[in-house]
Amino acid sequence: MGWTREENRRFEDALAVHGPDDPNRWQHVADAVGGKSVQEVKMHYEILQEDVIRIERDQIPLPRYRGASINGRQIDNEQR
């Protein structure tokens, strides 16, 4: 099953609080997200890591978000 924006927000917040040195990191993150298993949050993290690597290698374009600007100029860049 997919992830909602709220689940992603809680996931990111939990990652910021529970760093890689936390021996129970994935359980804490899963608890913070709610409704996801430790395995699901680990897999979600690995997928996001791969996405970042691919973006850094210019293999996929940066996501375009509504309301963003480039060099101070407003652009219509709603993600499709």
Protein backbone atom coordinates (compact mmCIF):
# COMPACT_ATOMS: atom_id res chain seq x y z
CA MET A 1 0.00 0.00 0.00
CA GLY A 2 1.19 3.54 -0.72
CA TRP A 3 2.15 6.28 1.66
CA THR A 4 0.06 9.36 2.36
CA ARG A 5 1.55 12.83 2.66
CA GLU A 6 0.90 12.71 6.40
CA GLU A 7 2.67 9.35 6.74
CA ASN A 8 5.63 10.73 4.77
CA ARG A 9 5.73 13.81 7.00
CA ARG A 10 5.74 11.66 10.16
CA PHE A 11 8.35 9.37 8.59
CA GLU A 12 10.68 12.29 7.83
CA ASP A 13 10.14 13.83 11.27
CA ALA A 14 10.91 10.50 12.96
CA LEU A 15 14.08 10.04 10.89
CA ALA A 16 15.26 13.46 12.07
CA VAL A 17 14.66 12.53 15.70
CA HIS A 18 15.88 8.93 15.59
CA GLY A 19 19.26 8.94 13.87
CA PRO A 20 21.33 6.03 12.59
CA ASP A 21 22.97 5.55 16.01
CA ASP A 22 19.61 4.72 17.63
CA PRO A 23 19.58 0.92 18.05
CA ASN A 24 15.77 0.93 17.84
CA ARG A 25 15.54 3.49 15.05
CA TRP A 26 13.27 1.55 12.71
CA GLN A 27 10.85 0.56 15.45
CA HIS A 28 10.65 4.18 16.60
CA VAL A 29 10.06 5.35 13.03
CA ALA A 30 7.38 2.70 12.45
CA ASP A 31 5.68 3.68 15.71
CA ALA A 32 5.76 7.37 14.73
CA VAL A 33 4.30 6.70 11.28
CA GLY A 34 1.59 4.39 12.61
CA GLY A 35 0.13 1.60 10.53
CA LYS A 36 3.45 0.62 8.94
CA SER A 37 5.74 -2.25 9.92
CA VAL A 38 9.45 -1.96 10.61
CA GLN A 39 10.06 -3.74 7.30
CA GLU A 40 7.84 -1.24 5.44
CA VAL A 41 9.65 1.80 6.84
CA LYS A 42 13.06 0.27 6.09
CA MET A 43 12.00 -0.45 2.51
CA HIS A 44 10.57 3.08 2.16
CA TYR A 45 13.90 4.51 3.35
CA GLU A 46 15.90 2.37 0.89
CA ILE A 47 13.67 3.45 -2.01
CA LEU A 48 14.11 7.11 -1.07
CA GLN A 49 17.88 6.66 -0.85
CA GLU A 50 17.91 5.19 -4.37
CA ASP A 51 15.80 8.11 -5.63
CA VAL A 52 18.27 10.61 -4.16
CA ILE A 53 21.19 8.81 -5.79
CA ARG A 54 19.42 8.78 -9.16
CA ILE A 55 18.55 12.50 -8.86
CA GLU A 56 22.16 13.35 -7.98
CA ARG A 57 23.33 11.42 -11.04
CA ASP A 58 20.81 13.29 -13.23
CA GLN A 59 19.11 10.01 -14.05
CA ILE A 60 15.71 11.40 -13.13
CA PRO A 61 14.58 15.03 -13.00
CA LEU A 62 13.93 16.85 -9.78
CA PRO A 63 10.26 16.77 -8.82
CA ARG A 64 8.38 19.93 -9.73
CA TYR A 65 6.16 21.43 -7.08
CA ARG A 66 3.36 23.95 -7.39
CA GLY A 67 4.36 27.40 -6.17
CA ALA A 68 8.11 26.95 -6.69
CA SER A 69 10.37 29.55 -8.21
CA ILE A 70 13.65 29.59 -10.08
CA ASN A 71 16.00 32.51 -9.54
CA GLY A 72 13.20 34.44 -7.88
CA ARG A 73 10.83 33.96 -10.82
CA GLN A 74 7.55 32.19 -10.11
CA ILE A 75 6.97 29.18 -12.34
CA ASP A 76 3.97 27.00 -13.00
CA ASN A 77 5.40 23.67 -12.10
CA GLU A 78 2.61 21.53 -10.76
CA GLN A 79 3.76 17.93 -10.56
CA ARG A 80 1.83 15.85 -13.08
